[in-house]
Each structure stands twice: as C-alpha cells, then as structure tokens.
Amino acid sequence: MINGQIFRDMVLSAANAIDNEKEKINSLNVFPVPDGDTGINMSLTMQSAKKNLASFDGDLSRCADLVASSLLRGARGNSGVILSLFFRGMAKELKGLSEAGTAEMARSFKNGVDSAYKAVRHPTEGTILTVMRLSAEAALENAETNEDMLTFFECVLATAEDALAKTPELLPVLKQAKVVDAGGKGFITIFDGMLSVLRGDGIVRQIQSDDKTEQAASFDEFKTEDIKFSYCTECIVEKKKDITDADIDAFSKVVGTAGDSDVFVDDTDIIKIHVHTNDPGKVLSAALLCGPLITIKVENMKLQHTNVIEKQASENGKETIAAPEKKYGFVSVAAGAGLCSVFRDLGADVIVEGGQTMNPSTEDIISAINKTPSETVYVLPNNKNIYMAAKQAAEIIEDKSVVVIRTKSVPQGIAAMLAFDESEDVDENTKNMIEAKDRILTASITFAARDSVFENNQIREGQHLGLVNGEVKYVENGCGECMDKIADDLAGYSCITVFYGSDITEAEAEEMCDHIRAKLPEDTEIILINGGQPVYYYLISAE
C-alpha cells in the first residue's frame, strides 16, 4: 500500500530523477524549432513540489493535494502544465484516502489522464499524452489481477516505455529526427524515479543538488492565558457538486464572525477553515451546508494547555492583490529591453519576462495579474508554449476578471494592444484584439540548437532557420539568405516592422532591411526597432 510518506518520497525521487536527466530530455526536443527546453520545463515544474514536501507529514490524500497544488502553480511550458494536470487528476481520485492499493492507484492514473486530455484543445498522439494514456490503460488492466504494488508499477512502466518507443510512428517529425517524444521521455523518467522508492533503492540522489528550501508559513502559537475563545476548531470540507458562490460566501461569514484567529481557504475541490471559537457546533453545521466533512479537529485549548500550530496554509506567500484603479489592464510576456519598452509604451502594466526556451510559470503569470491594478486584466502570452500556463493562471485567479488573448508571437501581441479601445466593453475589445492579431504575419530568424531533420533535409547545429507564422520554412547557412527568402512572404503587406535581437548590431539590422526593401514595392513602410530579444536574431511583423 502507498501512504502519504511513501508517496512523498516517490515524488521527491521523481523530482531528482527528472532534474538529473533534463539535458538529455532537452536534446530530444526538436519540434517545431530545435530549441531544447522540455526537460528544463518538466524539471522546474517538479521542483515546485519538492520545495513544499521537505517537512510534509500526513496521509496520502493531503500529500497528493499538496503535490497537485504545487505543480499547478509552478507549471512551466505545455509539458509542465500537462504534467501538473495529471497529478491534479490523481489527487482528486485519491482524495480522502489515507493509503492506496493498486486499484486506487490505477483509477488515479486514469483520472490524471482524463484531466490532462480535457485541458488540451487539440491533443496530438505521439506525445506525452499518448504515453500517459496507454500507461493508465495498462494500470487498470493490471490492477484487476495484481495487488502487489512493485509488480504493478513495473508493469505500467514497461507499457510506458513501449508506448514511448512507438511515438515516432505516430508523429512523423519524431521519425524524421530519429528521436522519441521529449515529454513522454520526461514522464517515464519521473515514473522511474518514483519506482526507485518502491524497489527499496530509496530516493534518487540529485547529482547537482540545490540546497535552497522554501520555508512554509505557520500560524502563531497562542499562550493559554491569551485565549479568549476556548475551542480551536478546524475542518476540511469536500465541496458538494452543486455548491454556489453564495454558499461559500455564507460559510465564510459564519467563520469570520465566530471568534478570532479565523482562516478560510477556498481551494479547487475543498474548503479548509480554522477558527478559535466558543461555539464549534455552529461552525461545523455551516460547513456541512457546503459538503461532507473530510477531517474535523476540535481542541479545548484552556483545558489541554496546548499551543496551536496551524498546518501549511495555501495563502502562504500569497501576494497582496492590487486594488482596481482602472477598468482595464494588461499583462504581457516578452524578453528583451526593446520589446518590453514597446509593450510599456502601448500601456502594458506588468511585463513577465520570458519567451522561447524560458517559459514563465503559472505562478509567474498569477503574480503579474495580481499586481495589475484593474478590474479586468488582458493577458498576452505571445508564445504558443505559454498559452496553457496563462489559461491555467486565469482559472485560478478569483479576485479579477482575466481574459487571455491567444497571441502566439510578440507581433501578434503588439497588434492586439493597438486594437484595444478603452471606451469599448470587454466582449468588443476581445473580438477586435483577436481579429487584429490574426491579421498579422509573423516571421523570424533563429538558429538550430542541435542537429535535426526538416522535411527529410538534415539541419545542422548553428544553421539559420526562417520561420513564418511559427513554422520552419527555410533552412540556410546565413542570415542574409534567410531574410531573402522571408522577403518573398512579405509581399502584399504595406507595413513591415523588424525587431533585431541582442546579438545583432544596428548596422547589421540595416543591412537585413535592405534585403527586404530590394524585393518589396518602394512605398512599403519598413520600421526598424532594437528589440534586444534573445534566441531570435530578427522578429518581423507584417500587416
């Protein structure tokens, strides 16, 4: 049976295992650009759980909830978000259990897969989702006849490895590059790390250990003579399916007026409260109106002379939410001093630094939203690999209205902001911003981080890649050759903006603009801006 302590060790082991292997997993990441960040994203996601588990001591349900919550807030990139949703689905299935056998674990895997698939608008087979799904199916089948946890996990891992080996047959780009899916490999690495604990080998040792730990806040200790209300009352409520905001608000008001030292935590599936009161019955009766009680604790502090130390609170580290000073605000993701300056000039309140190869986490975006002093916050991810983290942040935020515009590039984000009209309502602005960003053609020039294959042609590390609307279209040996090819795609557009990156001088950028001018009509407007962005030598917006 797996209890809270075993599960904690399994997650710690998994976090170390993925961190040890992140560079190898990065090397498998070839689509759409060989930029290599899947291993980093998955490792950083798992490290967020590791930080919160150092002093954990509780049952399986609470451990799974803590892991799910930590991963959700620390998720980076699509692979990290998908991974967090898998553990979140597991936590929902394991809720209320002090320990679990093979049948319960199998059902939690299935629920994890369902949660991940539901969050992806267009699931692609041959990715981490496929490896997860086939593993869960094997788990359900194996659990019917097998109660030995070690054998069960080894069977599921074998299925996952077989599924990973077949990903190139499902996703042609993997077959061309002769690699397996990076996300799927990361998932197996995590699973293998968990299995190390069940095998009796202990927690996988982190090769490059990070001794930094994040201390969790606790409630103050109270001396007996200072207690005005006798009963320390705590409970966790499992939310009923038809619970409303009014139900939660009513319960919150009961707790808030029952005594002192009150804490009210409204999480996704549960409500946790703590209050010092002289009438615990009133509090618990109000709790039952919101759903069944998972745990209850009532202590007479005066009689027992106890000092109450509250458990880890989900509010720990929660930032102060900026008061709304205006109707609309903007959060934009960008990297490079020039690009950040452009967004600020257009009215962005908070810039989240990030982009390709350095995806901000869900928590980073939540923090930026909370700092934005407006009733409604528009979020511009400006990268398709950041969109899921932005959507996850929007779902978590409760104190502000959040609208995520699915901008896949910086030029799309700029176009969206230019289309904004403060006098219009949210629906009209959202419509106009989406239409504006969809009219933009985005081109860029970057480099291959590793050898790969593109349309049956070998890509060598360091070659220049020309992308049009996010897809690799040209592979050349020099920047000029790439720009010549991209110039043909810009025909028919009247205004071209070229942002040059941190590795490019102004003179070099002017020379590249000459390549464009030579192929376009004389009346085409070409604007050159120092974007200062990393990774991309040039970002080009055409409208």
Protein backbone atom coordinates (compact mmCIF):
# COMPACT_ATOMS: atom_id res chain seq x y z
CA MET A 1 0.00 0.00 0.00
CA ILE A 2 1.14 3.56 -0.72
CA ASN A 3 0.63 6.01 2.14
CA GLY A 4 1.45 9.70 2.40
CA GLN A 5 5.09 9.22 3.40
CA ILE A 6 5.80 6.73 0.63
CA PHE A 7 4.11 8.95 -1.92
CA ARG A 8 6.09 11.94 -0.67
CA ASP A 9 9.35 10.02 -1.13
CA MET A 10 8.24 8.88 -4.58
CA VAL A 11 7.63 12.49 -5.68
CA LEU A 12 10.94 13.69 -4.19
CA SER A 13 12.71 10.89 -6.03
CA ALA A 14 10.90 11.77 -9.26
CA ALA A 15 11.92 15.44 -8.93
CA ASN A 16 15.58 14.46 -8.55
CA ALA A 17 15.40 11.98 -11.41
CA ILE A 18 13.97 14.48 -13.90
CA ASP A 19 16.47 17.13 -12.82
CA ASN A 20 19.34 14.70 -13.40
CA GLU A 21 18.08 13.87 -16.89
CA LYS A 22 16.79 17.28 -18.03
CA GLU A 23 19.60 17.92 -20.51
CA LYS A 24 19.12 14.53 -22.16
CA ILE A 25 15.41 15.24 -22.45
CA ASN A 26 16.16 18.69 -23.85
CA SER A 27 18.18 17.05 -26.59
CA LEU A 28 15.06 15.20 -27.82
CA ASN A 29 13.07 18.41 -28.23
CA VAL A 30 13.09 19.08 -32.00
CA PHE A 31 9.63 20.35 -32.92
CA PRO A 32 8.80 22.92 -34.18
CA VAL A 33 12.21 24.52 -33.52
CA PRO A 34 15.14 22.55 -32.08
CA ASP A 35 15.34 24.80 -29.04
CA GLY A 36 15.57 22.16 -26.29
CA ASP A 37 13.57 23.20 -23.23
CA THR A 38 11.18 20.34 -22.42
CA GLY A 39 13.49 18.81 -19.83
CA ILE A 40 14.01 22.18 -18.15
CA ASN A 41 10.28 22.89 -18.07
CA MET A 42 9.39 19.49 -16.59
CA SER A 43 12.22 19.68 -14.06
CA LEU A 44 11.25 23.15 -12.84
CA THR A 45 7.64 22.02 -12.56
CA MET A 46 8.61 19.05 -10.36
CA GLN A 47 10.98 21.18 -8.26
CA SER A 48 7.98 23.30 -7.19
CA ALA A 49 6.53 20.22 -5.48
CA LYS A 50 9.86 19.22 -3.97
CA LYS A 51 10.18 22.58 -2.20
CA ASN A 52 6.87 22.10 -0.42
CA LEU A 53 7.40 18.46 0.61
CA ALA A 54 10.54 18.80 2.71
CA SER A 55 8.68 18.82 6.05
CA PHE A 56 5.45 17.14 4.99
CA ASP A 57 3.95 14.63 7.42
CA GLY A 58 0.45 13.47 6.58
CA ASP A 59 -1.73 10.99 4.73
CA LEU A 60 -1.85 10.18 1.02
CA SER A 61 -4.79 12.45 0.28
CA ARG A 62 -3.11 15.51 1.74
CA CYS A 63 0.21 14.69 0.11
CA ALA A 64 -1.42 14.29 -3.30
CA ASP A 65 -3.29 17.58 -2.84
CA LEU A 66 -0.08 19.38 -1.86
CA VAL A 67 1.77 17.94 -4.83
CA ALA A 68 -1.04 18.84 -7.23
CA SER A 69 -1.35 22.38 -5.92
CA SER A 70 2.42 22.95 -6.03
CA LEU A 71 2.79 21.58 -9.54
CA LEU A 72 -0.18 23.56 -10.81
CA ARG A 73 1.27 26.86 -9.60
CA GLY A 74 4.81 26.04 -10.69
CA ALA A 75 3.96 24.55 -14.10
CA ARG A 76 6.15 25.74 -16.96
CA GLY A 77 5.50 25.20 -20.66
CA ASN A 78 2.94 22.86 -22.15
CA SER A 79 4.75 19.77 -20.87
CA GLY A 80 4.79 21.16 -17.34
CA VAL A 81 1.12 22.14 -17.44
CA ILE A 82 0.10 18.72 -18.77
CA LEU A 83 2.20 17.05 -16.06
CA SER A 84 0.58 19.20 -13.35
CA LEU A 85 -2.90 18.32 -14.61
CA PHE A 86 -2.04 14.61 -14.49
CA PHE A 87 -1.09 14.89 -10.82
CA ARG A 88 -4.11 17.09 -10.16
CA GLY A 89 -6.38 14.39 -11.56
CA MET A 90 -4.62 11.79 -9.42
CA ALA A 91 -5.15 13.94 -6.33
CA LYS A 92 -8.88 14.17 -6.99
CA GLU A 93 -9.17 10.39 -7.20
CA LEU A 94 -7.02 9.87 -4.09
CA LYS A 95 -8.85 12.46 -2.05
CA GLY A 96 -9.89 11.19 1.37
CA LEU A 97 -7.64 8.12 1.25
CA SER A 98 -5.01 7.54 3.91
CA GLU A 99 -3.40 4.89 1.72
CA ALA A 100 -4.00 3.26 -1.65
CA GLY A 101 -3.59 -0.12 -3.28
CA THR A 102 -3.13 -0.98 -6.93
CA ALA A 103 -6.82 -0.48 -7.77
CA GLU A 104 -6.90 3.02 -6.28
CA MET A 105 -3.62 3.98 -7.94
CA ALA A 106 -4.85 2.69 -11.30
CA ARG A 107 -8.01 4.79 -11.04
CA SER A 108 -5.94 7.84 -10.08
CA PHE A 109 -3.78 7.37 -13.21
CA LYS A 110 -6.92 7.20 -15.34
CA ASN A 111 -8.32 10.35 -13.74
CA GLY A 112 -4.99 12.09 -14.27
CA VAL A 113 -5.03 11.24 -17.98
CA ASP A 114 -8.62 12.44 -18.32
CA SER A 115 -7.72 15.75 -16.66
CA ALA A 116 -4.76 16.26 -18.98
CA TYR A 117 -6.66 15.43 -22.16
CA LYS A 118 -9.53 17.75 -21.26
CA ALA A 119 -7.15 20.69 -20.93
CA VAL A 120 -5.58 20.28 -24.37
CA ARG A 121 -7.76 21.70 -27.15
CA HIS A 122 -6.22 19.62 -29.91
CA PRO A 123 -4.48 16.55 -28.42
CA THR A 124 -1.68 15.19 -30.59
CA GLU A 125 -0.95 11.49 -30.41
CA GLY A 126 2.69 10.52 -30.25
CA THR A 127 3.33 12.90 -27.36
CA ILE A 128 3.37 12.72 -23.56
CA LEU A 129 -0.42 12.34 -23.68
CA THR A 130 -0.14 9.05 -25.54
CA VAL A 131 2.41 7.68 -23.08
CA MET A 132 0.19 8.72 -20.17
CA ARG A 133 -2.97 7.25 -21.70
CA LEU A 134 -1.52 3.85 -22.57
CA SER A 135 0.15 3.63 -19.15
CA ALA A 136 -3.16 4.30 -17.43
CA GLU A 137 -4.96 1.71 -19.54
CA ALA A 138 -2.33 -0.86 -18.61
CA ALA A 139 -2.65 0.13 -14.95
CA LEU A 140 -6.40 -0.50 -14.91
CA GLU A 141 -5.99 -3.86 -16.60
CA ASN A 142 -3.13 -4.97 -14.35
CA ALA A 143 -4.85 -3.87 -11.14
CA GLU A 144 -7.72 -6.30 -11.77
CA THR A 145 -5.47 -9.30 -11.07
CA ASN A 146 -2.45 -7.86 -9.25
CA GLU A 147 -2.30 -6.41 -5.74
CA ASP A 148 1.49 -6.24 -5.46
CA MET A 149 2.47 -2.59 -5.84
CA LEU A 150 6.01 -3.15 -7.07
CA THR A 151 4.93 -5.59 -9.78
CA PHE A 152 2.08 -3.26 -10.69
CA PHE A 153 4.37 -0.25 -11.16
CA GLU A 154 6.95 -2.25 -13.11
CA CYS A 155 4.23 -3.43 -15.49
CA VAL A 156 2.96 0.10 -16.01
CA LEU A 157 6.50 1.41 -16.58
CA ALA A 158 7.14 -1.30 -19.17
CA THR A 159 3.97 -0.24 -21.00
CA ALA A 160 5.04 3.39 -20.86
CA GLU A 161 8.45 2.57 -22.30
CA ASP A 162 6.85 0.58 -25.11
CA ALA A 163 4.48 3.49 -25.82
CA LEU A 164 7.39 5.93 -25.89
CA ALA A 165 9.29 3.74 -28.35
CA LYS A 166 6.31 3.90 -30.72
CA THR A 167 5.84 7.69 -30.62
CA PRO A 168 7.90 8.19 -33.83
CA GLU A 169 5.35 6.06 -35.68
CA LEU A 170 2.55 8.39 -34.55
CA LEU A 171 4.32 11.72 -35.03
CA PRO A 172 6.24 11.97 -38.34
CA VAL A 173 8.55 14.77 -37.20
CA LEU A 174 9.91 12.46 -34.49
CA LYS A 175 10.55 9.73 -37.04
CA GLN A 176 12.39 12.15 -39.30
CA ALA A 177 14.60 13.29 -36.45
CA LYS A 178 15.04 9.72 -35.20
CA VAL A 179 14.04 10.59 -31.65
CA VAL A 180 11.21 9.73 -29.29
CA ASP A 181 8.92 12.34 -27.77
CA ALA A 182 10.71 14.53 -25.20
CA GLY A 183 7.65 14.97 -22.98
CA GLY A 184 6.98 11.24 -22.99
CA LYS A 185 10.60 10.57 -22.06
CA GLY A 186 10.29 13.05 -19.23
CA PHE A 187 7.15 11.33 -17.95
CA ILE A 188 8.92 7.96 -17.94
CA THR A 189 11.91 9.47 -16.13
CA ILE A 190 9.55 10.77 -13.44
CA PHE A 191 7.82 7.40 -13.21
CA ASP A 192 11.13 5.55 -12.97
CA GLY A 193 12.22 7.88 -10.18
CA MET A 194 9.04 7.04 -8.25
CA LEU A 195 9.63 3.34 -8.80
CA SER A 196 13.08 3.59 -7.21
CA VAL A 197 11.40 4.07 -3.83
CA LEU A 198 9.15 1.03 -4.27
CA ARG A 199 12.13 -1.10 -5.29
CA GLY A 200 13.80 -0.30 -1.99
CA ASP A 201 16.57 1.73 -3.62
CA GLY A 202 15.42 4.88 -1.85
CA ILE A 203 15.11 8.41 -3.19
CA VAL A 204 17.16 9.01 -6.32
CA ARG A 205 20.13 11.18 -5.43
CA GLN A 206 20.22 14.56 -7.13
CA ILE A 207 23.51 14.85 -8.96
CA GLN A 208 23.61 18.63 -8.79
CA SER A 209 21.76 19.28 -5.58
CA ASP A 210 20.09 22.58 -4.81
CA ASP A 211 20.06 23.14 -1.06
CA LYS A 212 17.61 26.02 -1.23
CA THR A 213 14.38 25.27 0.54
CA GLU A 214 11.24 27.30 0.81
CA GLN A 215 10.05 27.68 4.37
CA ALA A 216 6.29 27.42 4.82
CA ALA A 217 4.49 29.92 6.98
CA SER A 218 2.67 28.71 10.08
CA PHE A 219 0.17 30.34 12.37
CA ASP A 220 1.39 31.96 15.59
CA GLU A 221 1.44 29.99 18.80
CA PHE A 222 -1.02 31.16 21.42
CA LYS A 223 -0.38 31.03 25.13
CA THR A 224 -3.25 29.67 27.18
CA GLU A 225 -3.77 32.89 29.12
CA ASP A 226 -4.19 34.86 25.89
CA ILE A 227 -7.01 32.68 24.55
CA LYS A 228 -10.40 34.42 24.54
CA PHE A 229 -12.17 31.59 22.74
CA SER A 230 -11.72 28.08 24.14
CA TYR A 231 -12.04 25.79 21.14
CA CYS A 232 -9.56 25.53 18.33
CA THR A 233 -11.81 24.32 15.51
CA GLU A 234 -10.61 23.03 12.16
CA CYS A 235 -12.20 21.12 9.32
CA ILE A 236 -11.76 20.32 5.66
CA VAL A 237 -14.93 20.31 3.57
CA GLU A 238 -15.22 18.39 0.33
CA LYS A 239 -17.24 20.73 -1.88
CA LYS A 240 -20.62 19.39 -2.96
CA LYS A 241 -21.18 19.29 -6.71
CA ASP A 242 -23.86 21.97 -6.78
CA ILE A 243 -22.08 24.39 -4.46
CA THR A 244 -22.53 28.07 -5.35
CA ASP A 245 -20.51 31.20 -4.66
CA ALA A 246 -23.30 32.27 -2.31
CA ASP A 247 -22.88 29.04 -0.28
CA ILE A 248 -19.15 29.65 0.08
CA ASP A 249 -19.64 33.31 0.98
CA ALA A 250 -22.22 32.42 3.65
CA PHE A 251 -19.87 29.85 5.23
CA SER A 252 -17.02 32.39 5.13
CA LYS A 253 -19.15 34.94 7.03
CA VAL A 254 -20.00 32.37 9.73
CA VAL A 255 -16.33 31.58 10.25
CA GLY A 256 -15.38 35.26 10.19
CA THR A 257 -17.82 36.15 12.99
CA ALA A 258 -17.45 33.02 15.14
CA GLY A 259 -14.38 34.08 17.11
CA ASP A 260 -10.82 35.01 16.29
CA SER A 261 -7.75 33.62 14.54
CA ASP A 262 -10.02 32.66 11.65
CA VAL A 263 -8.66 31.32 8.36
CA PHE A 264 -10.81 30.43 5.36
CA VAL A 265 -9.16 28.65 2.41
CA ASP A 266 -11.31 28.10 -0.68
CA ASP A 267 -9.38 25.66 -2.88
CA THR A 268 -10.47 23.93 -6.09
CA ASP A 269 -12.20 20.92 -4.53
CA ILE A 270 -12.07 21.61 -0.80
CA ILE A 271 -12.60 24.33 1.77
CA LYS A 272 -10.35 24.38 4.81
CA ILE A 273 -11.13 26.51 7.85
CA HIS A 274 -9.55 27.28 11.17
CA VAL A 275 -11.11 29.40 13.89
CA HIS A 276 -10.91 29.87 17.66
CA THR A 277 -14.49 29.91 18.85
CA ASN A 278 -16.73 29.19 21.81
CA ASP A 279 -19.32 27.51 19.53
CA PRO A 280 -17.65 24.92 17.25
CA GLY A 281 -21.04 23.31 16.58
CA LYS A 282 -22.24 26.43 14.77
CA VAL A 283 -19.16 26.42 12.54
CA LEU A 284 -19.39 22.72 11.71
CA SER A 285 -23.12 22.96 10.95
CA ALA A 286 -22.39 25.75 8.48
CA ALA A 287 -19.61 23.64 6.98
CA LEU A 288 -21.98 20.74 6.31
CA LEU A 289 -24.09 23.00 4.10
CA CYS A 290 -21.12 23.18 1.72
CA GLY A 291 -20.40 19.43 1.65
CA PRO A 292 -19.27 16.40 3.66
CA LEU A 293 -16.51 16.83 6.25
CA ILE A 294 -13.27 15.06 5.38
CA THR A 295 -11.47 15.92 8.62
CA ILE A 296 -12.53 17.52 11.92
CA LYS A 297 -10.43 18.71 14.84
CA VAL A 298 -11.81 20.44 17.96
CA GLU A 299 -9.46 21.06 20.89
CA ASN A 300 -10.19 22.75 24.21
CA MET A 301 -7.06 24.85 24.48
CA LYS A 302 -7.61 26.04 28.04
CA LEU A 303 -8.03 22.53 29.41
CA GLN A 304 -5.22 20.95 27.47
CA HIS A 305 -2.83 23.94 27.71
CA THR A 306 -1.93 23.42 24.06
CA ASN A 307 -0.24 25.79 21.69
CA VAL A 308 -1.91 25.56 18.32
CA ILE A 309 0.37 25.47 15.35
CA GLU A 310 -1.60 25.69 12.13
CA LYS A 311 -0.79 23.46 9.20
CA GLN A 312 0.61 24.77 5.96
CA ALA A 313 -1.84 27.33 4.56
CA SER A 314 -2.47 27.79 0.91
CA GLU A 315 -2.31 31.53 1.46
CA ASN A 316 1.36 31.20 2.41
CA GLY A 317 3.27 33.50 0.13
CA LYS A 318 0.13 34.84 -1.49
CA GLU A 319 0.73 38.32 -2.79
CA THR A 320 -1.36 41.35 -1.98
CA ILE A 321 -3.78 41.89 -4.82
CA ALA A 322 -3.55 45.35 -6.37
CA ALA A 323 -6.72 47.37 -5.85
CA PRO A 324 -8.53 48.18 -9.11
CA GLU A 325 -7.64 51.75 -10.07
CA LYS A 326 -9.00 51.44 -13.60
CA LYS A 327 -11.26 49.26 -15.72
CA TYR A 328 -8.67 47.56 -17.96
CA GLY A 329 -5.08 46.42 -17.53
CA PHE A 330 -2.52 44.37 -19.46
CA VAL A 331 -0.01 41.65 -18.66
CA SER A 332 2.36 40.82 -21.50
CA VAL A 333 5.10 38.23 -21.83
CA ALA A 334 8.23 39.49 -23.57
CA ALA A 335 12.01 39.23 -23.47
CA GLY A 336 14.43 41.97 -24.46
CA ALA A 337 14.63 45.57 -23.27
CA GLY A 338 13.35 46.97 -26.55
CA LEU A 339 10.32 44.70 -26.79
CA CYS A 340 9.46 45.31 -23.14
CA SER A 341 9.65 49.04 -23.77
CA VAL A 342 7.28 48.76 -26.73
CA PHE A 343 4.68 46.97 -24.62
CA ARG A 344 5.03 49.51 -21.81
CA ASP A 345 4.58 52.36 -24.27
CA LEU A 346 1.40 50.69 -25.51
CA GLY A 347 0.03 50.51 -21.95
CA ALA A 348 1.14 47.16 -20.52
CA ASP A 349 1.02 47.31 -16.70
CA VAL A 350 3.24 44.32 -15.98
CA ILE A 351 5.79 42.59 -18.22
CA VAL A 352 6.54 38.95 -17.47
CA GLU A 353 10.00 38.19 -18.75
CA GLY A 354 10.00 35.07 -20.86
CA GLY A 355 9.54 33.51 -24.26
CA GLN A 356 11.07 30.66 -26.23
CA THR A 357 13.36 28.47 -24.05
CA MET A 358 12.42 30.41 -20.89
CA ASN A 359 8.73 29.89 -20.34
CA PRO A 360 7.32 31.68 -17.28
CA SER A 361 5.42 29.51 -14.81
CA THR A 362 1.73 29.69 -13.99
CA GLU A 363 2.72 31.29 -10.68
CA ASP A 364 4.71 33.98 -12.51
CA ILE A 365 1.65 34.92 -14.52
CA ILE A 366 -0.63 34.80 -11.46
CA SER A 367 1.75 37.17 -9.69
CA ALA A 368 1.68 39.58 -12.64
CA ILE A 369 -2.12 39.53 -12.79
CA ASN A 370 -2.36 40.24 -9.07
CA LYS A 371 -0.04 43.23 -9.47
CA THR A 372 -2.17 44.73 -12.23
CA PRO A 373 -4.41 47.49 -10.74
CA SER A 374 -7.51 46.90 -12.85
CA GLU A 375 -10.89 45.16 -12.75
CA THR A 376 -10.23 43.26 -15.99
CA VAL A 377 -6.77 42.04 -16.94
CA TYR A 378 -5.87 41.07 -20.50
CA VAL A 379 -3.02 38.54 -20.67
CA LEU A 380 -0.89 38.30 -23.82
CA PRO A 381 1.28 35.13 -23.69
CA ASN A 382 2.92 35.92 -27.07
CA ASN A 383 4.11 32.34 -27.44
CA LYS A 384 2.05 29.22 -28.07
CA ASN A 385 4.03 27.29 -25.45
CA ILE A 386 2.99 29.79 -22.77
CA TYR A 387 -0.72 29.88 -23.58
CA MET A 388 -1.68 26.90 -21.39
CA ALA A 389 0.13 28.36 -18.37
CA ALA A 390 -1.68 31.66 -18.94
CA LYS A 391 -5.06 29.91 -19.19
CA GLN A 392 -4.30 27.97 -16.01
CA ALA A 393 -3.48 31.23 -14.23
CA ALA A 394 -6.75 32.77 -15.41
CA GLU A 395 -8.70 29.82 -13.98
CA ILE A 396 -7.00 30.13 -10.59
CA ILE A 397 -7.48 33.89 -10.20
CA GLU A 398 -10.72 34.67 -8.37
CA ASP A 399 -10.40 38.36 -7.49
CA LYS A 400 -10.12 39.76 -11.01
CA SER A 401 -11.67 39.17 -14.40
CA VAL A 402 -8.97 37.73 -16.64
CA VAL A 403 -9.07 37.44 -20.44
CA VAL A 404 -6.28 35.55 -22.19
CA ILE A 405 -5.79 36.53 -25.84
CA ARG A 406 -4.15 33.61 -27.66
CA THR A 407 -1.22 35.55 -29.10
CA LYS A 408 1.44 33.21 -30.45
CA SER A 409 4.11 35.84 -31.11
CA VAL A 410 5.25 39.27 -29.98
CA PRO A 411 4.00 40.92 -33.20
CA GLN A 412 0.54 39.46 -32.56
CA GLY A 413 0.65 40.82 -29.00
CA ILE A 414 1.55 44.30 -30.23
CA ALA A 415 -1.23 44.22 -32.82
CA ALA A 416 -3.73 43.15 -30.15
CA MET A 417 -2.78 46.06 -27.90
CA LEU A 418 -3.00 48.54 -30.77
CA ALA A 419 -6.57 47.35 -31.43
CA PHE A 420 -7.66 47.98 -27.84
CA ASP A 421 -10.17 50.77 -27.24
CA GLU A 422 -10.75 51.79 -23.62
CA SER A 423 -14.24 53.06 -24.46
CA GLU A 424 -15.43 49.62 -25.62
CA ASP A 425 -16.69 46.78 -23.41
CA VAL A 426 -14.80 43.54 -22.74
CA ASP A 427 -16.53 41.47 -25.43
CA GLU A 428 -15.99 44.07 -28.17
CA ASN A 429 -12.37 44.64 -27.21
CA THR A 430 -11.69 40.91 -27.09
CA LYS A 431 -13.23 40.48 -30.55
CA ASN A 432 -11.24 43.38 -32.02
CA MET A 433 -7.97 42.23 -30.46
CA ILE A 434 -8.37 38.69 -31.77
CA GLU A 435 -9.17 39.94 -35.26
CA ALA A 436 -6.17 42.28 -35.20
CA LYS A 437 -3.66 39.66 -34.09
CA ASP A 438 -4.98 37.17 -36.66
CA ARG A 439 -4.25 39.65 -39.48
CA ILE A 440 -0.56 39.75 -38.61
CA LEU A 441 2.05 37.68 -40.41
CA THR A 442 4.94 36.87 -38.09
CA ALA A 443 8.33 35.87 -39.41
CA SER A 444 11.54 35.26 -37.52
CA ILE A 445 15.12 34.13 -37.92
CA THR A 446 16.78 31.99 -35.29
CA PHE A 447 19.33 29.18 -35.15
CA ALA A 448 19.26 25.42 -34.75
CA ALA A 449 20.29 24.42 -31.23
CA ARG A 450 21.11 20.87 -32.34
CA ASP A 451 21.24 18.63 -35.38
CA SER A 452 17.79 17.69 -36.60
CA VAL A 453 15.72 16.87 -39.68
CA PHE A 454 13.37 19.18 -41.56
CA GLU A 455 11.23 17.81 -44.41
CA ASN A 456 13.74 15.00 -44.96
CA ASN A 457 16.61 17.50 -45.06
CA GLN A 458 19.33 17.44 -42.45
CA ILE A 459 19.58 20.52 -40.22
CA ARG A 460 22.99 21.13 -38.74
CA GLU A 461 23.55 22.77 -35.39
CA GLY A 462 24.06 26.52 -35.84
CA GLN A 463 22.27 26.82 -39.18
CA HIS A 464 19.82 29.70 -39.63
CA LEU A 465 16.13 28.88 -39.55
CA GLY A 466 13.47 31.07 -41.15
CA LEU A 467 10.06 30.72 -39.53
CA VAL A 468 6.79 32.03 -40.91
CA ASN A 469 3.83 32.06 -38.52
CA GLY A 470 5.67 29.74 -36.18
CA GLU A 471 6.55 27.08 -38.75
CA VAL A 472 10.06 26.36 -40.00
CA LYS A 473 10.03 27.28 -43.71
CA TYR A 474 13.65 27.96 -44.60
CA VAL A 475 16.98 26.44 -43.54
CA GLU A 476 20.01 28.44 -44.67
CA ASN A 477 23.65 28.86 -43.80
CA GLY A 478 23.44 32.62 -43.30
CA CYS A 479 21.10 35.32 -42.04
CA GLY A 480 21.03 37.13 -45.37
CA GLU A 481 19.91 34.05 -47.27
CA CYS A 482 17.10 33.52 -44.74
CA MET A 483 16.00 37.15 -44.98
CA ASP A 484 15.92 36.97 -48.79
CA LYS A 485 13.54 34.01 -48.62
CA ILE A 486 11.35 35.60 -45.95
CA ALA A 487 11.08 38.80 -48.00
CA ASP A 488 9.05 36.87 -50.58
CA ASP A 489 6.48 36.04 -47.89
CA LEU A 490 6.12 39.73 -47.04
CA ALA A 491 4.84 40.68 -50.49
CA GLY A 492 1.39 42.25 -50.32
CA TYR A 493 1.88 43.75 -46.86
CA SER A 494 2.16 47.53 -46.62
CA CYS A 495 3.84 47.92 -43.22
CA ILE A 496 6.80 45.85 -42.04
CA THR A 497 8.33 46.15 -38.56
CA VAL A 498 11.69 44.49 -37.94
CA PHE A 499 12.84 43.92 -34.34
CA TYR A 500 16.52 42.98 -34.16
CA GLY A 501 17.88 40.89 -31.33
CA SER A 502 20.58 41.20 -28.68
CA ASP A 503 23.25 39.58 -30.88
CA ILE A 504 22.68 41.96 -33.82
CA THR A 505 24.16 45.44 -34.31
CA GLU A 506 22.16 48.30 -35.79
CA ALA A 507 24.36 48.27 -38.91
CA GLU A 508 23.72 44.55 -39.42
CA ALA A 509 20.00 45.14 -38.95
CA GLU A 510 20.00 47.94 -41.53
CA GLU A 511 21.68 45.60 -43.97
CA MET A 512 18.98 42.98 -43.41
CA CYS A 513 16.28 45.58 -44.03
CA ASP A 514 17.94 46.26 -47.40
CA HIS A 515 17.22 42.64 -48.32
CA ILE A 516 13.54 43.30 -47.69
CA ARG A 517 13.47 46.68 -49.49
CA ALA A 518 15.01 45.14 -52.59
CA LYS A 519 12.07 42.77 -53.00
CA LEU A 520 9.12 44.93 -51.98
CA PRO A 521 7.42 47.98 -53.58
CA GLU A 522 9.05 51.36 -52.86
CA ASP A 523 6.02 52.60 -50.92
CA THR A 524 6.26 49.74 -48.39
CA GLU A 525 6.84 51.18 -44.92
CA ILE A 526 9.70 49.44 -43.10
CA ILE A 527 10.31 50.25 -39.43
CA LEU A 528 13.46 49.07 -37.62
CA ILE A 529 13.41 48.70 -33.83
CA ASN A 530 16.03 47.38 -31.40
CA GLY A 531 14.06 44.63 -29.67
CA GLY A 532 17.02 43.25 -27.74
CA GLN A 533 15.39 39.81 -27.70
CA PRO A 534 17.42 36.64 -27.11
CA VAL A 535 17.23 33.49 -29.29
CA TYR A 536 15.74 35.26 -32.32
CA TYR A 537 18.08 37.37 -34.47
CA TYR A 538 15.05 39.02 -36.03
CA LEU A 539 11.32 39.19 -35.33
CA ILE A 540 9.29 40.57 -38.22
CA SER A 541 5.71 41.83 -38.17
CA ALA A 542 3.81 42.33 -41.44
CA GLU A 543 0.38 43.92 -41.76
